[in-house]
Amino acid sequence: LSLDLEVVTKNYLIILAAVPALMIVKSVIIFA
């Protein structure tokens, strides 16, 4: 419900880059 679709549409490029980067960095560090 709290997802702001307007923020998503305005910053979709940042989100497309930030979400995978966040999940990859955390996964690699936790696995190590």
Full PDB file with SEQRES, HELIX, SHEET, SSBOND, CRYST1, ORIGX, SCALE, CONECT and MASTER records, all heavy atoms in Angstrom:
SEQRES   1 A   32  LEU SER LEU ASP LEU GLU VAL VAL THR LYS ASN TYR LEU          
SEQRES   2 A   32  ILE ILE LEU ALA ALA VAL PRO ALA LEU MET ILE VAL LYS          
SEQRES   3 A   32  SER VAL ILE ILE PHE ALA                                      
HELIX    1 AA1 LEU A    5  LYS A   10  1                                   6    
HELIX    2 AA2 TYR A   12  PHE A   31  1                                  20    
CRYST1    1.000    1.000    1.000  90.00  90.00  90.00 P 1           1          
ORIGX1      1.000000  0.000000  0.000000        0.00000                         
ORIGX2      0.000000  1.000000  0.000000        0.00000                         
ORIGX3      0.000000  0.000000  1.000000        0.00000                         
SCALE1      1.000000  0.000000  0.000000        0.00000                         
SCALE2      0.000000  1.000000  0.000000        0.00000                         
SCALE3      0.000000  0.000000  1.000000        0.00000                         
ATOM      1  N   LEU A   1       0.817  -1.212   0.000  1.00  0.00           N  
ATOM      2  CA  LEU A   1       0.000   0.000   0.000  1.00  0.00           C  
ATOM      3  C   LEU A   1       0.855   1.267   0.000  1.00  0.00           C  
ATOM      4  O   LEU A   1       0.485   2.281  -0.594  1.00  0.00           O  
ATOM      5  CB  LEU A   1      -0.913   0.009   1.238  1.00  0.00           C  
ATOM      6  CG  LEU A   1      -2.090  -0.980   1.259  1.00  0.00           C  
ATOM      7  CD1 LEU A   1      -2.735  -0.994   2.636  1.00  0.00           C  
ATOM      8  CD2 LEU A   1      -3.120  -0.610   0.200  1.00  0.00           C  
ATOM      9  N   SER A   2       1.990   1.203   0.718  1.00  0.00           N  
ATOM     10  CA  SER A   2       2.829   2.401   0.874  1.00  0.00           C  
ATOM     11  C   SER A   2       3.772   2.631  -0.307  1.00  0.00           C  
ATOM     12  O   SER A   2       4.529   3.604  -0.315  1.00  0.00           O  
ATOM     13  CB  SER A   2       3.642   2.292   2.167  1.00  0.00           C  
ATOM     14  OG  SER A   2       4.490   1.162   2.127  1.00  0.00           O  
ATOM     15  N   LEU A   3       3.759   1.754  -1.280  1.00  0.00           N  
ATOM     16  CA  LEU A   3       4.629   1.925  -2.445  1.00  0.00           C  
ATOM     17  C   LEU A   3       4.189   3.155  -3.244  1.00  0.00           C  
ATOM     18  O   LEU A   3       3.028   3.272  -3.639  1.00  0.00           O  
ATOM     19  CB  LEU A   3       4.570   0.675  -3.322  1.00  0.00           C  
ATOM     20  CG  LEU A   3       5.540   0.651  -4.517  1.00  0.00           C  
ATOM     21  CD1 LEU A   3       6.978   0.607  -4.040  1.00  0.00           C  
ATOM     22  CD2 LEU A   3       5.245  -0.560  -5.393  1.00  0.00           C  
ATOM     23  N   ASP A   4       5.111   4.061  -3.471  1.00  0.00           N  
ATOM     24  CA  ASP A   4       4.830   5.308  -4.209  1.00  0.00           C  
ATOM     25  C   ASP A   4       5.191   5.097  -5.680  1.00  0.00           C  
ATOM     26  O   ASP A   4       6.364   5.146  -6.058  1.00  0.00           O  
ATOM     27  CB  ASP A   4       5.630   6.457  -3.612  1.00  0.00           C  
ATOM     28  CG  ASP A   4       5.164   7.816  -4.129  1.00  0.00           C  
ATOM     29  OD1 ASP A   4       4.562   7.858  -5.219  1.00  0.00           O  
ATOM     30  OD2 ASP A   4       5.409   8.832  -3.452  1.00  0.00           O  
ATOM     31  N   LEU A   5       4.182   4.863  -6.509  1.00  0.00           N  
ATOM     32  CA  LEU A   5       4.446   4.596  -7.923  1.00  0.00           C  
ATOM     33  C   LEU A   5       5.000   5.815  -8.643  1.00  0.00           C  
ATOM     34  O   LEU A   5       5.739   5.677  -9.637  1.00  0.00           O  
ATOM     35  CB  LEU A   5       3.156   4.135  -8.605  1.00  0.00           C  
ATOM     36  CG  LEU A   5       2.597   2.771  -8.153  1.00  0.00           C  
ATOM     37  CD1 LEU A   5       1.364   2.422  -8.965  1.00  0.00           C  
ATOM     38  CD2 LEU A   5       3.651   1.680  -8.307  1.00  0.00           C  
ATOM     39  N   GLU A   6       4.681   7.020  -8.163  1.00  0.00           N  
ATOM     40  CA  GLU A   6       5.219   8.226  -8.802  1.00  0.00           C  
ATOM     41  C   GLU A   6       6.727   8.301  -8.630  1.00  0.00           C  
ATOM     42  O   GLU A   6       7.462   8.651  -9.568  1.00  0.00           O  
ATOM     43  CB  GLU A   6       4.552   9.464  -8.193  1.00  0.00           C  
ATOM     44  CG  GLU A   6       4.973  10.770  -8.881  1.00  0.00           C  
ATOM     45  CD  GLU A   6       4.266  11.976  -8.306  1.00  0.00           C  
ATOM     46  OE1 GLU A   6       3.346  11.784  -7.467  1.00  0.00           O  
ATOM     47  OE2 GLU A   6       4.621  13.102  -8.702  1.00  0.00           O  
ATOM     48  N   VAL A   7       7.199   7.953  -7.440  1.00  0.00           N  
ATOM     49  CA  VAL A   7       8.648   7.917  -7.205  1.00  0.00           C  
ATOM     50  C   VAL A   7       9.289   6.850  -8.081  1.00  0.00           C  
ATOM     51  O   VAL A   7      10.395   7.045  -8.619  1.00  0.00           O  
ATOM     52  CB  VAL A   7       8.937   7.642  -5.709  1.00  0.00           C  
ATOM     53  CG1 VAL A   7      10.436   7.458  -5.474  1.00  0.00           C  
ATOM     54  CG2 VAL A   7       8.398   8.771  -4.847  1.00  0.00           C  
ATOM     55  N   VAL A   8       8.603   5.734  -8.255  1.00  0.00           N  
ATOM     56  CA  VAL A   8       9.131   4.649  -9.088  1.00  0.00           C  
ATOM     57  C   VAL A   8       9.283   5.112 -10.533  1.00  0.00           C  
ATOM     58  O   VAL A   8      10.319   4.892 -11.172  1.00  0.00           O  
ATOM     59  CB  VAL A   8       8.208   3.414  -9.011  1.00  0.00           C  
ATOM     60  CG1 VAL A   8       8.675   2.335  -9.993  1.00  0.00           C  
ATOM     61  CG2 VAL A   8       8.176   2.854  -7.598  1.00  0.00           C  
ATOM     62  N   THR A   9       8.258   5.773 -11.077  1.00  0.00           N  
ATOM     63  CA  THR A   9       8.314   6.197 -12.478  1.00  0.00           C  
ATOM     64  C   THR A   9       9.359   7.291 -12.706  1.00  0.00           C  
ATOM     65  O   THR A   9      10.001   7.321 -13.753  1.00  0.00           O  
ATOM     66  CB  THR A   9       6.934   6.702 -12.928  1.00  0.00           C  
ATOM     67  OG1 THR A   9       6.495   7.744 -12.039  1.00  0.00           O  
ATOM     68  CG2 THR A   9       5.920   5.567 -12.919  1.00  0.00           C  
ATOM     69  N   LYS A  10       9.535   8.174 -11.739  1.00  0.00           N  
ATOM     70  CA  LYS A  10      10.502   9.252 -11.900  1.00  0.00           C  
ATOM     71  C   LYS A  10      11.945   8.792 -11.740  1.00  0.00           C  
ATOM     72  O   LYS A  10      12.863   9.396 -12.305  1.00  0.00           O  
ATOM     73  CB  LYS A  10      10.211  10.364 -10.897  1.00  0.00           C  
ATOM     74  CG  LYS A  10       8.956  11.172 -11.201  1.00  0.00           C  
ATOM     75  CD  LYS A  10       8.781  12.295 -10.194  1.00  0.00           C  
ATOM     76  CE  LYS A  10       7.552  13.152 -10.520  1.00  0.00           C  
ATOM     77  NZ  LYS A  10       7.372  14.247  -9.535  1.00  0.00           N  
ATOM     78  N   ASN A  11      12.156   7.744 -10.959  1.00  0.00           N  
ATOM     79  CA  ASN A  11      13.528   7.311 -10.641  1.00  0.00           C  
ATOM     80  C   ASN A  11      13.746   5.846 -11.005  1.00  0.00           C  
ATOM     81  O   ASN A  11      14.534   5.154 -10.359  1.00  0.00           O  
ATOM     82  CB  ASN A  11      13.805   7.516  -9.153  1.00  0.00           C  
ATOM     83  CG  ASN A  11      13.641   8.945  -8.694  1.00  0.00           C  
ATOM     84  OD1 ASN A  11      14.528   9.778  -8.850  1.00  0.00           O  
ATOM     85  ND2 ASN A  11      12.468   9.234  -8.114  1.00  0.00           N  
ATOM     86  N   TYR A  12      13.064   5.390 -12.036  1.00  0.00           N  
ATOM     87  CA  TYR A  12      13.124   3.962 -12.328  1.00  0.00           C  
ATOM     88  C   TYR A  12      14.520   3.500 -12.708  1.00  0.00           C  
ATOM     89  O   TYR A  12      14.911   2.349 -12.433  1.00  0.00           O  
ATOM     90  CB  TYR A  12      12.111   3.597 -13.419  1.00  0.00           C  
ATOM     91  CG  TYR A  12      12.434   4.127 -14.792  1.00  0.00           C  
ATOM     92  CD1 TYR A  12      13.143   3.360 -15.709  1.00  0.00           C  
ATOM     93  CD2 TYR A  12      12.024   5.408 -15.178  1.00  0.00           C  
ATOM     94  CE1 TYR A  12      13.431   3.844 -16.972  1.00  0.00           C  
ATOM     95  CE2 TYR A  12      12.309   5.897 -16.437  1.00  0.00           C  
ATOM     96  CZ  TYR A  12      13.014   5.109 -17.323  1.00  0.00           C  
ATOM     97  OH  TYR A  12      13.301   5.599 -18.580  1.00  0.00           O  
ATOM     98  N   LEU A  13      15.311   4.389 -13.337  1.00  0.00           N  
ATOM     99  CA  LEU A  13      16.677   3.990 -13.696  1.00  0.00           C  
ATOM    100  C   LEU A  13      17.534   3.771 -12.454  1.00  0.00           C  
ATOM    101  O   LEU A  13      18.312   2.802 -12.376  1.00  0.00           O  
ATOM    102  CB  LEU A  13      17.306   5.048 -14.602  1.00  0.00           C  
ATOM    103  CG  LEU A  13      16.708   5.173 -16.016  1.00  0.00           C  
ATOM    104  CD1 LEU A  13      17.386   6.305 -16.782  1.00  0.00           C  
ATOM    105  CD2 LEU A  13      16.865   3.850 -16.763  1.00  0.00           C  
ATOM    106  N   ILE A  14      17.406   4.694 -11.509  1.00  0.00           N  
ATOM    107  CA  ILE A  14      18.151   4.536 -10.246  1.00  0.00           C  
ATOM    108  C   ILE A  14      17.700   3.266  -9.524  1.00  0.00           C  
ATOM    109  O   ILE A  14      18.527   2.505  -9.003  1.00  0.00           O  
ATOM    110  CB  ILE A  14      17.944   5.769  -9.343  1.00  0.00           C  
ATOM    111  CG1 ILE A  14      18.513   7.018 -10.008  1.00  0.00           C  
ATOM    112  CG2 ILE A  14      18.573   5.549  -7.971  1.00  0.00           C  
ATOM    113  CD1 ILE A  14      18.292   8.295  -9.214  1.00  0.00           C  
ATOM    114  N   ILE A  15      16.389   3.031  -9.513  1.00  0.00           N  
ATOM    115  CA  ILE A  15      15.866   1.849  -8.816  1.00  0.00           C  
ATOM    116  C   ILE A  15      16.340   0.571  -9.502  1.00  0.00           C  
ATOM    117  O   ILE A  15      16.745  -0.399  -8.829  1.00  0.00           O  
ATOM    118  CB  ILE A  15      14.324   1.903  -8.768  1.00  0.00           C  
ATOM    119  CG1 ILE A  15      13.872   3.087  -7.911  1.00  0.00           C  
ATOM    120  CG2 ILE A  15      13.751   0.599  -8.217  1.00  0.00           C  
ATOM    121  CD1 ILE A  15      12.384   3.359  -7.963  1.00  0.00           C  
ATOM    122  N   LEU A  16      16.307   0.563 -10.845  1.00  0.00           N  
ATOM    123  CA  LEU A  16      16.764  -0.612 -11.584  1.00  0.00           C  
ATOM    124  C   LEU A  16      18.232  -0.934 -11.307  1.00  0.00           C  
ATOM    125  O   LEU A  16      18.633  -2.105 -11.345  1.00  0.00           O  
ATOM    126  CB  LEU A  16      16.547  -0.407 -13.084  1.00  0.00           C  
ATOM    127  CG  LEU A  16      15.097  -0.485 -13.581  1.00  0.00           C  
ATOM    128  CD1 LEU A  16      15.036  -0.150 -15.064  1.00  0.00           C  
ATOM    129  CD2 LEU A  16      14.522  -1.869 -13.306  1.00  0.00           C  
ATOM    130  N   ALA A  17      19.018   0.099 -11.037  1.00  0.00           N  
ATOM    131  CA  ALA A  17      20.437  -0.131 -10.733  1.00  0.00           C  
ATOM    132  C   ALA A  17      20.650  -0.401  -9.252  1.00  0.00           C  
ATOM    133  O   ALA A  17      21.474  -1.251  -8.871  1.00  0.00           O  
ATOM    134  CB  ALA A  17      21.258   1.082 -11.172  1.00  0.00           C  
ATOM    135  N   ALA A  18      19.915   0.314  -8.377  1.00  0.00           N  
ATOM    136  CA  ALA A  18      20.167   0.235  -6.943  1.00  0.00           C  
ATOM    137  C   ALA A  18      19.713  -1.083  -6.333  1.00  0.00           C  
ATOM    138  O   ALA A  18      20.417  -1.656  -5.484  1.00  0.00           O  
ATOM    139  CB  ALA A  18      19.472   1.402  -6.238  1.00  0.00           C  
ATOM    140  N   VAL A  19      18.543  -1.576  -6.738  1.00  0.00           N  
ATOM    141  CA  VAL A  19      18.021  -2.797  -6.116  1.00  0.00           C  
ATOM    142  C   VAL A  19      18.933  -3.999  -6.383  1.00  0.00           C  
ATOM    143  O   VAL A  19      19.314  -4.714  -5.438  1.00  0.00           O  
ATOM    144  CB  VAL A  19      16.575  -3.066  -6.582  1.00  0.00           C  
ATOM    145  CG1 VAL A  19      16.105  -4.434  -6.092  1.00  0.00           C  
ATOM    146  CG2 VAL A  19      15.643  -1.977  -6.074  1.00  0.00           C  
ATOM    147  N   PRO A  20      19.319  -4.287  -7.635  1.00  0.00           N  
ATOM    148  CA  PRO A  20      20.251  -5.408  -7.843  1.00  0.00           C  
ATOM    149  C   PRO A  20      21.592  -5.193  -7.148  1.00  0.00           C  
ATOM    150  O   PRO A  20      22.169  -6.150  -6.610  1.00  0.00           O  
ATOM    151  CB  PRO A  20      20.413  -5.447  -9.369  1.00  0.00           C  
ATOM    152  CG  PRO A  20      19.220  -4.743  -9.908  1.00  0.00           C  
ATOM    153  CD  PRO A  20      18.888  -3.688  -8.912  1.00  0.00           C  
ATOM    154  N   ALA A  21      22.091  -3.954  -7.169  1.00  0.00           N  
ATOM    155  CA  ALA A  21      23.372  -3.690  -6.508  1.00  0.00           C  
ATOM    156  C   ALA A  21      23.280  -3.986  -5.016  1.00  0.00           C  
ATOM    157  O   ALA A  21      24.182  -4.618  -4.437  1.00  0.00           O  
ATOM    158  CB  ALA A  21      23.788  -2.241  -6.741  1.00  0.00           C  
ATOM    159  N   LEU A  22      22.194  -3.515  -4.392  1.00  0.00           N  
ATOM    160  CA  LEU A  22      22.002  -3.772  -2.961  1.00  0.00           C  
ATOM    161  C   LEU A  22      21.981  -5.266  -2.675  1.00  0.00           C  
ATOM    162  O   LEU A  22      22.684  -5.756  -1.775  1.00  0.00           O  
ATOM    163  CB  LEU A  22      20.699  -3.122  -2.501  1.00  0.00           C  
ATOM    164  CG  LEU A  22      20.160  -3.539  -1.123  1.00  0.00           C  
ATOM    165  CD1 LEU A  22      21.112  -3.081  -0.032  1.00  0.00           C  
ATOM    166  CD2 LEU A  22      18.762  -2.983  -0.895  1.00  0.00           C  
ATOM    167  N   MET A  23      21.182  -6.016  -3.427  1.00  0.00           N  
ATOM    168  CA  MET A  23      21.015  -7.435  -3.145  1.00  0.00           C  
ATOM    169  C   MET A  23      22.279  -8.233  -3.443  1.00  0.00           C  
ATOM    170  O   MET A  23      22.604  -9.189  -2.733  1.00  0.00           O  
ATOM    171  CB  MET A  23      19.826  -7.978  -3.946  1.00  0.00           C  
ATOM    172  CG  MET A  23      18.507  -7.261  -3.622  1.00  0.00           C  
ATOM    173  SD  MET A  23      17.059  -7.903  -4.500  1.00  0.00           S  
ATOM    174  CE  MET A  23      16.765  -9.415  -3.593  1.00  0.00           C  
ATOM    175  N   ILE A  24      23.024  -7.824  -4.475  1.00  0.00           N  
ATOM    176  CA  ILE A  24      24.269  -8.536  -4.808  1.00  0.00           C  
ATOM    177  C   ILE A  24      25.327  -8.282  -3.754  1.00  0.00           C  
ATOM    178  O   ILE A  24      26.014  -9.216  -3.280  1.00  0.00           O  
ATOM    179  CB  ILE A  24      24.761  -8.121  -6.211  1.00  0.00           C  
ATOM    180  CG1 ILE A  24      23.812  -8.653  -7.286  1.00  0.00           C  
ATOM    181  CG2 ILE A  24      26.178  -8.629  -6.456  1.00  0.00           C  
ATOM    182  CD1 ILE A  24      24.116  -8.148  -8.681  1.00  0.00           C  
ATOM    183  N   VAL A  25      25.506  -7.014  -3.360  1.00  0.00           N  
ATOM    184  CA  VAL A  25      26.530  -6.683  -2.356  1.00  0.00           C  
ATOM    185  C   VAL A  25      26.259  -7.408  -1.046  1.00  0.00           C  
ATOM    186  O   VAL A  25      27.160  -8.016  -0.445  1.00  0.00           O  
ATOM    187  CB  VAL A  25      26.591  -5.151  -2.136  1.00  0.00           C  
ATOM    188  CG1 VAL A  25      27.440  -4.824  -0.914  1.00  0.00           C  
ATOM    189  CG2 VAL A  25      27.148  -4.462  -3.370  1.00  0.00           C  
ATOM    190  N   LYS A  26      25.015  -7.363  -0.578  1.00  0.00           N  
ATOM    191  CA  LYS A  26      24.690  -8.023   0.684  1.00  0.00           C  
ATOM    192  C   LYS A  26      24.860  -9.538   0.584  1.00  0.00           C  
ATOM    193  O   LYS A  26      25.380 -10.178   1.512  1.00  0.00           O  
ATOM    194  CB  LYS A  26      23.248  -7.683   1.106  1.00  0.00           C  
ATOM    195  CG  LYS A  26      23.062  -6.237   1.518  1.00  0.00           C  
ATOM    196  CD  LYS A  26      21.665  -5.957   2.019  1.00  0.00           C  
ATOM    197  CE  LYS A  26      21.419  -6.569   3.374  1.00  0.00           C  
ATOM    198  NZ  LYS A  26      20.129  -6.142   3.954  1.00  0.00           N  
ATOM    199  N   SER A  27      24.444 -10.110  -0.537  1.00  0.00           N  
ATOM    200  CA  SER A  27      24.550 -11.566  -0.684  1.00  0.00           C  
ATOM    201  C   SER A  27      26.006 -12.019  -0.678  1.00  0.00           C  
ATOM    202  O   SER A  27      26.347 -13.015  -0.032  1.00  0.00           O  
ATOM    203  CB  SER A  27      23.869 -12.012  -1.988  1.00  0.00           C  
ATOM    204  OG  SER A  27      22.491 -11.734  -1.956  1.00  0.00           O  
ATOM    205  N   VAL A  28      26.849 -11.301  -1.403  1.00  0.00           N  
ATOM    206  CA  VAL A  28      28.260 -11.685  -1.479  1.00  0.00           C  
ATOM    207  C   VAL A  28      28.917 -11.604  -0.104  1.00  0.00           C  
ATOM    208  O   VAL A  28      29.645 -12.522   0.322  1.00  0.00           O  
ATOM    209  CB  VAL A  28      29.002 -10.796  -2.487  1.00  0.00           C  
ATOM    210  CG1 VAL A  28      30.518 -11.013  -2.389  1.00  0.00           C  
ATOM    211  CG2 VAL A  28      28.516 -11.084  -3.909  1.00  0.00           C  
ATOM    212  N   ILE A  29      28.678 -10.521   0.622  1.00  0.00           N  
ATOM    213  CA  ILE A  29      29.300 -10.348   1.937  1.00  0.00           C  
ATOM    214  C   ILE A  29      28.778 -11.401   2.920  1.00  0.00           C  
ATOM    215  O   ILE A  29      29.558 -12.013   3.679  1.00  0.00           O  
ATOM    216  CB  ILE A  29      29.046  -8.926   2.471  1.00  0.00           C  
ATOM    217  CG1 ILE A  29      29.785  -7.910   1.601  1.00  0.00           C  
ATOM    218  CG2 ILE A  29      29.472  -8.804   3.939  1.00  0.00           C  
ATOM    219  CD1 ILE A  29      29.528  -6.469   1.977  1.00  0.00           C  
ATOM    220  N   ILE A  30      27.479 -11.649   2.930  1.00  0.00           N  
ATOM    221  CA  ILE A  30      26.911 -12.631   3.856  1.00  0.00           C  
ATOM    222  C   ILE A  30      27.414 -14.038   3.531  1.00  0.00           C  
ATOM    223  O   ILE A  30      27.758 -14.816   4.432  1.00  0.00           O  
ATOM    224  CB  ILE A  30      25.366 -12.581   3.805  1.00  0.00           C  
ATOM    225  CG1 ILE A  30      24.873 -11.269   4.400  1.00  0.00           C  
ATOM    226  CG2 ILE A  30      24.760 -13.754   4.571  1.00  0.00           C  
ATOM    227  CD1 ILE A  30      23.370 -11.048   4.258  1.00  0.00           C  
ATOM    228  N   PHE A  31      27.500 -14.374   2.234  1.00  0.00           N  
ATOM    229  CA  PHE A  31      28.014 -15.690   1.849  1.00  0.00           C  
ATOM    230  C   PHE A  31      29.460 -15.866   2.311  1.00  0.00           C  
ATOM    231  O   PHE A  31      29.829 -16.918   2.863  1.00  0.00           O  
ATOM    232  CB  PHE A  31      27.919 -15.864   0.336  1.00  0.00           C  
ATOM    233  CG  PHE A  31      28.527 -17.148  -0.163  1.00  0.00           C  
ATOM    234  CD1 PHE A  31      27.849 -18.348  -0.027  1.00  0.00           C  
ATOM    235  CD2 PHE A  31      29.790 -17.154  -0.761  1.00  0.00           C  
ATOM    236  CE1 PHE A  31      28.421 -19.539  -0.479  1.00  0.00           C  
ATOM    237  CE2 PHE A  31      30.362 -18.331  -1.210  1.00  0.00           C  
ATOM    238  CZ  PHE A  31      29.672 -19.524  -1.076  1.00  0.00           C  
ATOM    239  N   ALA A  32      30.273 -14.835   2.090  1.00  0.00           N  
ATOM    240  CA  ALA A  32      31.680 -14.921   2.511  1.00  0.00           C  
ATOM    241  C   ALA A  32      31.798 -15.088   4.022  1.00  0.00           C  
ATOM    242  O   ALA A  32      32.602 -15.897   4.509  1.00  0.00           O  
ATOM    243  CB  ALA A  32      32.428 -13.663   2.056  1.00  0.00           C  
TER     244      ALA A  32                                                      
MASTER        0    0    0    2    0    0    0    6  243    1    0    3          
END                                                                             
